Amino acid sequence: MNSKIQNSNTSPSLWLTLGILALIGVIYFIIEQLNGRFQLVDFEVYYKAATRAISGENLYRPEEDGFFRYKYSITAALFFIPLSVLPLFASKVCYWFLLTFTMVFGYRLLHTLTARPFQSKIYGPLLLTGILGLVSTELELHLGQVNFIILSLLLGTAYFYKKQKQLSAALLWAISIFLKPFGLILLPYFIVRKEFKLLGFFFSLATLLFFLPILFYGWTGLWEQTQLWMQELSIEMSKKQDLLQEANHTIFSVIARYTPLAYITFSDSIIKIYQLVLLSSLGLIVLFAMRKTKDMEDHIPYDFAYLIALIPMLSFTDKNAFLFVLPLIFMLLINFHKLPKLAKFLSVLGLFLYGGNVRELWMRIPAPGYDNAALCWDALSFITIGSLLVWSIFVFFIHRSSTQ
């Protein structure tokens, strides 16, 4: 039995699957070089911020930096200091392969969180998950973003939480929120689960990380930089979203555009009420799902999957952030055989809408009102519709499993 358990964790099939997924990053790197598209413009923003942080210089220069200005935490800039000692091009190359490694490590964590003894039919779903995520992966690597890093940190949080190592879980969770505050979506979850020890570790470590820039800025400099950071956050929060605008991939926009709500005139007050009602509804569904998973053996990967998947649907962001849906897709795929026929059909449809926009294929096909089908796919936010469909089926599956 022990040998079989070991085989489920160190199987050649696992390493072959991870090797294929790693090859994706290498192939994309070669293609970017051949096409002259190796830019990593978002990473360059972090790189510039790190070089400024070393010297204790101001990070927030909207007039000087223009569109590619730094608008993240002071602590996040410190994370990139090791890469900032290299020339920019060499640093971009290193970061590309760091992202590739992080991507593979994230898939490895997914396997670890869900693998059981004697479970051999897990590598196909793992590889298919990576293939379905290619559209988001390509953009993530091209921009040099941090979503894959955040995703791996949150999966690591789930791993250590499952192992009842609260301090390690809290550390990874705290690090993630300084890159982007997406991980705060777990805060209500841990409160409801009454994980007060983990929450105590989290707030303590987050406080330490917040004050870490004192090493470069001193108390006065940190206060000044924090005020400028708050200004940037205020600007971002005050940006108005047009709920009926094409390519707005939030769930708020998609529901408004594809229901009779499209005929309503959305004033500022109506938008706030609408978003509050929708958020409350989602919160109730999540509480319902948490209640259903409470007694499940693998409730932690289930809970993290449907919570993390909500991040891109609630945030006004680009489609590369839909990487956060991948754990949900993987969890659905390994349980696909348990779904009824209609749920299987809807799952396939949702997965196609999520990961089917291969631009090199659809850009050759015309679409009414658009230059090509790929642009139409983005404009109509099919990636959100697919994600929401998969998310709904997953919650349905949780309910169905808990009642059997």
Protein backbone atom coordinates (compact mmCIF):
# COMPACT_ATOMS: atom_id res chain seq x y z
CA MET A 1 0.00 0.00 0.00
CA ASN A 2 2.80 2.44 0.87
CA SER A 3 4.42 1.89 -2.52
CA LYS A 4 1.14 2.63 -4.26
CA ILE A 5 0.70 5.81 -2.26
CA GLN A 6 4.22 6.83 -3.21
CA ASN A 7 3.49 6.10 -6.86
CA SER A 8 0.50 8.45 -6.77
CA ASN A 9 2.82 11.28 -5.72
CA THR A 10 6.01 10.48 -7.66
CA SER A 11 4.59 8.77 -10.74
CA PRO A 12 6.46 9.28 -14.03
CA SER A 13 3.08 10.31 -15.46
CA LEU A 14 3.04 13.27 -13.06
CA TRP A 15 6.50 14.47 -14.04
CA LEU A 16 5.73 13.98 -17.73
CA THR A 17 2.59 16.09 -17.31
CA LEU A 18 4.49 18.81 -15.45
CA GLY A 19 7.26 18.67 -18.06
CA ILE A 20 4.75 19.28 -20.85
CA LEU A 21 3.30 22.22 -18.93
CA ALA A 22 6.81 23.63 -18.40
CA LEU A 23 7.45 23.27 -22.11
CA ILE A 24 4.58 25.67 -22.72
CA GLY A 25 6.55 28.49 -21.11
CA VAL A 26 9.68 27.61 -23.10
CA ILE A 27 7.77 27.52 -26.42
CA TYR A 28 6.09 30.84 -25.69
CA PHE A 29 9.50 32.33 -24.87
CA ILE A 30 10.92 31.25 -28.22
CA ILE A 31 7.85 32.55 -30.07
CA GLU A 32 8.07 35.91 -28.31
CA GLN A 33 11.73 36.22 -29.31
CA LEU A 34 11.07 35.30 -32.94
CA ASN A 35 8.14 37.72 -33.21
CA GLY A 36 9.91 40.58 -31.44
CA ARG A 37 7.21 40.71 -28.76
CA PHE A 38 9.38 40.00 -25.72
CA GLN A 39 8.39 43.05 -23.65
CA LEU A 40 7.05 42.16 -20.17
CA VAL A 41 5.82 45.73 -19.73
CA ASP A 42 4.17 45.07 -16.37
CA PHE A 43 7.29 43.42 -14.97
CA GLU A 44 9.25 46.49 -16.06
CA VAL A 45 7.03 48.56 -13.77
CA TYR A 46 7.97 46.35 -10.81
CA TYR A 47 11.63 46.38 -11.88
CA LYS A 48 11.72 50.18 -11.96
CA ALA A 49 10.00 50.37 -8.58
CA ALA A 50 12.55 47.99 -7.07
CA THR A 51 15.49 50.06 -8.30
CA ARG A 52 13.88 53.15 -6.78
CA ALA A 53 13.15 51.37 -3.50
CA ILE A 54 16.81 50.40 -3.06
CA SER A 55 17.71 54.10 -3.08
CA GLY A 56 14.70 55.13 -1.00
CA GLU A 57 13.26 57.11 -3.91
CA ASN A 58 9.63 57.96 -4.54
CA LEU A 59 7.78 55.02 -6.14
CA TYR A 60 4.65 56.86 -7.24
CA ARG A 61 5.28 59.19 -10.18
CA PRO A 62 2.08 59.27 -12.29
CA GLU A 63 3.11 62.27 -14.39
CA GLU A 64 6.59 60.92 -15.13
CA ASP A 65 5.62 57.27 -15.68
CA GLY A 66 2.29 57.83 -17.41
CA PHE A 67 0.21 54.73 -18.13
CA PHE A 68 2.89 52.35 -16.85
CA ARG A 69 3.06 53.93 -13.42
CA TYR A 70 3.52 52.02 -10.20
CA LYS A 71 0.29 51.69 -8.18
CA TYR A 72 1.02 48.73 -5.91
CA SER A 73 2.19 48.46 -2.31
CA ILE A 74 5.58 49.66 -1.13
CA THR A 75 6.33 46.16 0.16
CA ALA A 76 5.69 44.60 -3.27
CA ALA A 77 8.51 46.68 -4.76
CA LEU A 78 10.92 45.08 -2.28
CA PHE A 79 10.06 41.59 -3.52
CA PHE A 80 11.62 42.45 -6.89
CA ILE A 81 14.91 43.83 -5.56
CA PRO A 82 16.85 40.56 -6.24
CA LEU A 83 15.91 40.79 -9.94
CA SER A 84 16.63 44.52 -10.12
CA VAL A 85 20.39 43.96 -9.66
CA LEU A 86 20.47 42.41 -13.16
CA PRO A 87 20.32 44.35 -16.44
CA LEU A 88 16.73 44.83 -17.57
CA PHE A 89 16.78 42.30 -20.43
CA ALA A 90 18.48 39.62 -18.32
CA SER A 91 16.03 40.32 -15.53
CA LYS A 92 13.10 39.86 -17.93
CA VAL A 93 14.47 36.52 -19.08
CA CYS A 94 14.90 35.37 -15.48
CA TYR A 95 11.41 36.52 -14.57
CA TRP A 96 9.90 34.71 -17.58
CA PHE A 97 11.36 31.41 -16.43
CA LEU A 98 10.52 32.20 -12.80
CA LEU A 99 6.89 32.56 -13.90
CA THR A 100 7.14 29.30 -15.84
CA PHE A 101 8.50 27.53 -12.77
CA THR A 102 5.78 29.12 -10.61
CA MET A 103 3.14 27.94 -13.08
CA VAL A 104 4.42 24.35 -12.93
CA PHE A 105 4.74 24.54 -9.15
CA GLY A 106 1.12 25.72 -8.95
CA TYR A 107 -0.04 22.71 -10.97
CA ARG A 108 2.05 20.47 -8.71
CA LEU A 109 0.27 21.94 -5.70
CA LEU A 110 -3.08 21.25 -7.35
CA HIS A 111 -2.07 17.61 -7.74
CA THR A 112 -0.85 17.41 -4.14
CA LEU A 113 -4.04 18.94 -2.76
CA THR A 114 -6.30 16.47 -4.55
CA ALA A 115 -4.28 13.27 -5.10
CA ARG A 116 -5.42 10.18 -3.25
CA PRO A 117 -3.87 6.71 -3.02
CA PHE A 118 -4.58 4.57 -6.09
CA GLN A 119 -5.92 7.62 -7.99
CA SER A 120 -4.23 7.33 -11.37
CA LYS A 121 -6.68 9.19 -13.62
CA ILE A 122 -5.58 12.62 -12.42
CA TYR A 123 -2.84 13.49 -14.89
CA GLY A 124 -5.14 13.87 -17.90
CA PRO A 125 -7.31 16.46 -16.10
CA LEU A 126 -4.15 18.24 -14.91
CA LEU A 127 -2.81 18.52 -18.44
CA LEU A 128 -6.20 19.53 -19.83
CA THR A 129 -6.43 22.25 -17.19
CA GLY A 130 -3.10 23.63 -18.39
CA ILE A 131 -4.28 23.54 -22.02
CA LEU A 132 -7.53 25.33 -21.17
CA GLY A 133 -5.48 27.99 -19.39
CA LEU A 134 -3.23 28.69 -22.39
CA VAL A 135 -5.08 31.86 -23.41
CA SER A 136 -4.61 33.41 -19.98
CA THR A 137 -1.11 31.95 -19.59
CA GLU A 138 0.15 33.50 -22.82
CA LEU A 139 -1.01 36.98 -21.78
CA GLU A 140 0.33 36.55 -18.24
CA LEU A 141 3.80 35.67 -19.54
CA HIS A 142 3.73 38.32 -22.26
CA LEU A 143 2.94 41.08 -19.76
CA GLY A 144 5.16 39.70 -16.99
CA GLN A 145 2.33 39.87 -14.46
CA VAL A 146 2.16 38.44 -10.92
CA ASN A 147 -1.14 36.51 -11.02
CA PHE A 148 0.55 33.12 -11.31
CA ILE A 149 2.68 33.95 -8.28
CA ILE A 150 -0.38 35.00 -6.28
CA LEU A 151 -2.24 31.86 -7.35
CA SER A 152 0.64 29.64 -6.23
CA LEU A 153 0.84 31.49 -2.91
CA LEU A 154 -2.88 30.94 -2.33
CA LEU A 155 -2.59 27.27 -3.27
CA GLY A 156 0.34 27.05 -0.87
CA THR A 157 -1.89 28.63 1.76
CA ALA A 158 -4.44 25.86 1.12
CA TYR A 159 -1.72 23.21 1.33
CA PHE A 160 -0.37 24.35 4.70
CA TYR A 161 -3.88 24.98 6.03
CA LYS A 162 -4.76 21.40 5.11
CA LYS A 163 -1.61 20.26 6.96
CA GLN A 164 -2.71 22.39 9.96
CA LYS A 165 0.43 24.52 9.71
CA GLN A 166 -1.25 27.85 10.38
CA LEU A 167 1.92 29.95 10.57
CA SER A 168 3.16 28.84 7.13
CA ALA A 169 -0.32 29.27 5.65
CA ALA A 170 -0.61 32.75 7.12
CA LEU A 171 2.83 33.77 5.80
CA LEU A 172 2.06 32.83 2.19
CA TRP A 173 -1.37 34.45 2.43
CA ALA A 174 0.12 37.67 3.84
CA ILE A 175 2.78 37.85 1.11
CA SER A 176 0.12 37.45 -1.58
CA ILE A 177 -1.97 40.45 -0.51
CA PHE A 178 0.98 42.83 -0.85
CA LEU A 179 1.39 41.86 -4.51
CA LYS A 180 -2.34 42.40 -5.09
CA PRO A 181 -5.08 42.27 -2.44
CA PHE A 182 -6.94 39.45 -4.22
CA GLY A 183 -6.26 37.05 -1.34
CA LEU A 184 -8.50 39.08 0.97
CA ILE A 185 -11.36 37.07 -0.52
CA LEU A 186 -10.28 34.35 1.95
CA LEU A 187 -10.76 36.60 4.99
CA PRO A 188 -14.52 35.98 5.45
CA TYR A 189 -13.91 32.27 4.85
CA PHE A 190 -11.43 31.95 7.71
CA ILE A 191 -13.67 34.04 9.97
CA VAL A 192 -16.65 31.78 9.29
CA ARG A 193 -14.47 28.70 9.81
CA LYS A 194 -13.35 30.25 13.14
CA GLU A 195 -9.65 29.92 12.29
CA PHE A 196 -8.70 32.64 14.76
CA LYS A 197 -5.16 31.37 15.34
CA LEU A 198 -4.42 31.51 11.63
CA LEU A 199 -6.02 34.97 11.42
CA GLY A 200 -3.85 36.15 14.30
CA PHE A 201 -0.72 34.94 12.52
CA PHE A 202 -1.91 36.56 9.29
CA PHE A 203 -2.49 40.01 10.77
CA SER A 204 0.80 39.88 12.69
CA LEU A 205 2.80 38.89 9.60
CA ALA A 206 0.95 41.39 7.40
CA THR A 207 1.86 44.13 9.88
CA LEU A 208 5.53 43.12 9.77
CA LEU A 209 5.50 43.09 5.97
CA PHE A 210 3.81 46.48 5.89
CA PHE A 211 6.60 48.02 7.98
CA LEU A 212 9.41 46.20 6.12
CA PRO A 213 10.09 49.20 3.81
CA ILE A 214 11.30 51.16 6.86
CA LEU A 215 14.68 49.57 6.11
CA PHE A 216 14.87 51.74 2.97
CA TYR A 217 12.61 54.71 3.73
CA GLY A 218 12.61 55.21 7.48
CA TRP A 219 9.43 56.06 9.36
CA THR A 220 8.86 59.40 7.65
CA GLY A 221 9.50 58.03 4.18
CA LEU A 222 7.19 55.07 4.75
CA TRP A 223 4.41 57.40 5.88
CA GLU A 224 4.85 59.58 2.79
CA GLN A 225 4.93 56.61 0.43
CA THR A 226 1.87 55.11 2.10
CA GLN A 227 -0.07 58.33 1.55
CA LEU A 228 0.89 58.31 -2.14
CA TRP A 229 -0.09 54.64 -2.39
CA MET A 230 -3.49 55.47 -0.86
CA GLN A 231 -3.90 58.18 -3.50
CA GLU A 232 -3.24 55.66 -6.26
CA LEU A 233 -5.74 53.24 -4.72
CA SER A 234 -8.28 56.04 -4.47
CA ILE A 235 -7.82 56.86 -8.15
CA GLU A 236 -8.27 53.21 -9.11
CA MET A 237 -11.35 52.82 -6.92
CA SER A 238 -12.92 56.00 -8.29
CA LYS A 239 -12.64 54.89 -11.90
CA LYS A 240 -16.15 54.32 -13.16
CA GLN A 241 -16.99 51.07 -14.84
CA ASP A 242 -19.45 51.15 -17.68
CA LEU A 243 -21.52 48.10 -16.82
CA LEU A 244 -22.76 47.80 -20.40
CA GLN A 245 -19.32 48.22 -21.96
CA GLU A 246 -17.98 45.40 -24.12
CA ALA A 247 -15.02 43.44 -22.75
CA ASN A 248 -15.95 44.33 -19.18
CA HIS A 249 -15.36 40.84 -17.78
CA THR A 250 -16.84 41.37 -14.31
CA ILE A 251 -19.87 39.39 -13.28
CA PHE A 252 -21.62 42.71 -12.65
CA SER A 253 -21.26 43.68 -16.29
CA VAL A 254 -22.03 40.27 -17.79
CA ILE A 255 -25.30 39.88 -15.88
CA ALA A 256 -26.29 43.46 -16.70
CA ARG A 257 -25.53 43.00 -20.42
CA TYR A 258 -27.21 39.61 -20.86
CA THR A 259 -30.39 40.15 -18.86
CA PRO A 260 -33.24 42.69 -19.04
CA LEU A 261 -31.11 44.88 -16.75
CA ALA A 262 -29.52 46.12 -19.98
CA TYR A 263 -32.59 48.35 -20.45
CA ILE A 264 -32.11 50.09 -17.10
CA THR A 265 -30.40 53.47 -16.86
CA PHE A 266 -27.62 52.85 -14.35
CA SER A 267 -27.04 55.89 -12.17
CA ASP A 268 -24.29 55.83 -9.54
CA SER A 269 -26.75 54.98 -6.77
CA ILE A 270 -28.44 52.21 -8.78
CA ILE A 271 -25.03 50.71 -9.63
CA LYS A 272 -24.11 50.57 -5.94
CA ILE A 273 -27.43 48.95 -5.02
CA TYR A 274 -27.11 46.47 -7.89
CA GLN A 275 -23.55 45.51 -6.93
CA LEU A 276 -24.50 45.19 -3.25
CA VAL A 277 -27.45 42.90 -4.07
CA LEU A 278 -25.31 40.74 -6.36
CA LEU A 279 -22.46 40.53 -3.84
CA SER A 280 -24.91 39.60 -1.10
CA SER A 281 -26.39 36.88 -3.30
CA LEU A 282 -22.93 35.48 -4.04
CA GLY A 283 -22.10 35.61 -0.35
CA LEU A 284 -25.17 33.56 0.51
CA ILE A 285 -24.29 30.99 -2.18
CA VAL A 286 -20.74 30.74 -0.81
CA LEU A 287 -22.07 30.26 2.73
CA PHE A 288 -24.36 27.54 1.39
CA ALA A 289 -21.40 25.84 -0.32
CA MET A 290 -19.27 26.10 2.83
CA ARG A 291 -22.03 24.44 4.81
CA LYS A 292 -22.18 21.61 2.29
CA THR A 293 -18.41 21.05 2.24
CA LYS A 294 -18.00 21.19 6.02
CA ASP A 295 -18.10 17.42 6.46
CA MET A 296 -16.36 16.53 3.19
CA GLU A 297 -12.93 14.90 3.46
CA ASP A 298 -11.40 17.24 0.87
CA HIS A 299 -13.33 20.38 1.76
CA ILE A 300 -10.25 22.66 1.74
CA PRO A 301 -9.35 22.32 -1.99
CA TYR A 302 -13.06 22.52 -2.82
CA ASP A 303 -13.53 25.68 -0.77
CA PHE A 304 -10.41 27.38 -2.10
CA ALA A 305 -11.33 26.46 -5.69
CA TYR A 306 -14.72 28.17 -5.76
CA LEU A 307 -13.52 31.15 -3.70
CA ILE A 308 -10.38 31.89 -5.71
CA ALA A 309 -12.34 31.51 -8.97
CA LEU A 310 -14.45 34.52 -7.99
CA ILE A 311 -11.43 36.86 -8.03
CA PRO A 312 -11.41 37.71 -11.77
CA MET A 313 -15.21 37.81 -11.94
CA LEU A 314 -15.37 40.44 -9.20
CA SER A 315 -12.33 42.49 -10.28
CA PHE A 316 -12.21 44.88 -13.21
CA THR A 317 -9.19 43.30 -14.87
CA ASP A 318 -7.87 41.63 -18.01
CA LYS A 319 -8.42 38.02 -19.03
CA ASN A 320 -5.03 36.83 -17.76
CA ALA A 321 -6.46 37.13 -14.23
CA PHE A 322 -8.80 34.27 -15.13
CA LEU A 323 -5.89 32.02 -14.22
CA PHE A 324 -7.56 31.99 -10.80
CA VAL A 325 -10.33 29.84 -12.28
CA LEU A 326 -7.90 27.00 -13.09
CA PRO A 327 -8.11 25.24 -9.68
CA LEU A 328 -11.89 25.16 -10.05
CA ILE A 329 -11.58 23.71 -13.56
CA PHE A 330 -9.19 21.02 -12.35
CA MET A 331 -11.45 20.08 -9.44
CA LEU A 332 -14.41 19.85 -11.81
CA LEU A 333 -12.50 17.72 -14.32
CA ILE A 334 -11.39 15.12 -11.79
CA ASN A 335 -15.03 14.78 -10.72
CA PHE A 336 -16.44 15.04 -14.25
CA HIS A 337 -17.50 11.37 -14.35
CA LYS A 338 -19.80 11.94 -11.37
CA LEU A 339 -21.85 14.66 -13.10
CA PRO A 340 -25.25 13.99 -14.69
CA LYS A 341 -25.44 14.26 -18.48
CA LEU A 342 -26.83 17.79 -18.62
CA ALA A 343 -24.17 19.05 -16.21
CA LYS A 344 -21.49 17.38 -18.34
CA PHE A 345 -22.78 19.10 -21.47
CA LEU A 346 -22.92 22.50 -19.75
CA SER A 347 -19.45 21.92 -18.31
CA VAL A 348 -17.99 21.26 -21.75
CA LEU A 349 -19.72 24.39 -23.06
CA GLY A 350 -18.40 26.45 -20.16
CA LEU A 351 -14.85 25.13 -20.59
CA PHE A 352 -14.98 25.91 -24.30
CA LEU A 353 -16.12 29.48 -23.66
CA TYR A 354 -13.44 29.84 -20.97
CA GLY A 355 -10.41 28.59 -22.85
CA GLY A 356 -11.39 28.39 -26.50
CA ASN A 357 -10.36 31.83 -27.73
CA VAL A 358 -7.18 30.82 -29.52
CA ARG A 359 -6.50 34.03 -31.39
CA GLU A 360 -4.37 32.41 -34.07
CA LEU A 361 -7.41 30.31 -35.01
CA TRP A 362 -10.34 32.69 -34.58
CA MET A 363 -8.61 35.78 -36.02
CA ARG A 364 -8.99 34.14 -39.44
CA ILE A 365 -12.77 34.01 -39.11
CA PRO A 366 -14.93 37.11 -39.69
CA ALA A 367 -17.65 38.09 -37.21
CA PRO A 368 -20.53 40.53 -37.73
CA GLY A 369 -19.57 43.93 -36.32
CA TYR A 370 -15.99 42.90 -35.53
CA ASP A 371 -12.78 42.44 -37.45
CA ASN A 372 -12.63 38.78 -36.46
CA ALA A 373 -14.16 36.16 -34.16
CA ALA A 374 -11.36 36.50 -31.58
CA LEU A 375 -12.21 40.16 -30.95
CA CYS A 376 -15.89 39.27 -30.81
CA TRP A 377 -15.11 36.57 -28.23
CA ASP A 378 -13.36 39.11 -25.99
CA ALA A 379 -15.96 41.83 -26.51
CA LEU A 380 -18.83 39.53 -25.50
CA SER A 381 -16.91 38.37 -22.38
CA PHE A 382 -17.32 34.69 -23.20
CA ILE A 383 -14.49 33.92 -20.77
CA THR A 384 -16.64 35.23 -17.90
CA ILE A 385 -19.74 33.41 -19.11
CA GLY A 386 -17.75 30.17 -19.29
CA SER A 387 -16.22 30.74 -15.85
CA LEU A 388 -19.59 31.52 -14.30
CA LEU A 389 -21.13 28.44 -15.90
CA VAL A 390 -18.34 26.19 -14.60
CA TRP A 391 -18.55 27.83 -11.17
CA SER A 392 -22.31 27.26 -10.98
CA ILE A 393 -21.99 23.60 -11.99
CA PHE A 394 -19.25 23.12 -9.40
CA VAL A 395 -21.45 24.50 -6.62
CA PHE A 396 -24.29 22.29 -7.89
CA PHE A 397 -21.93 19.30 -7.74
CA ILE A 398 -21.01 20.13 -4.13
CA HIS A 399 -24.70 20.22 -3.21
CA ARG A 400 -25.39 16.98 -5.07
CA SER A 401 -22.42 15.19 -3.47
CA SER A 402 -23.38 16.26 0.04
CA THR A 403 -26.93 14.96 -0.33
CA GLN A 404 -25.96 11.50 -1.61
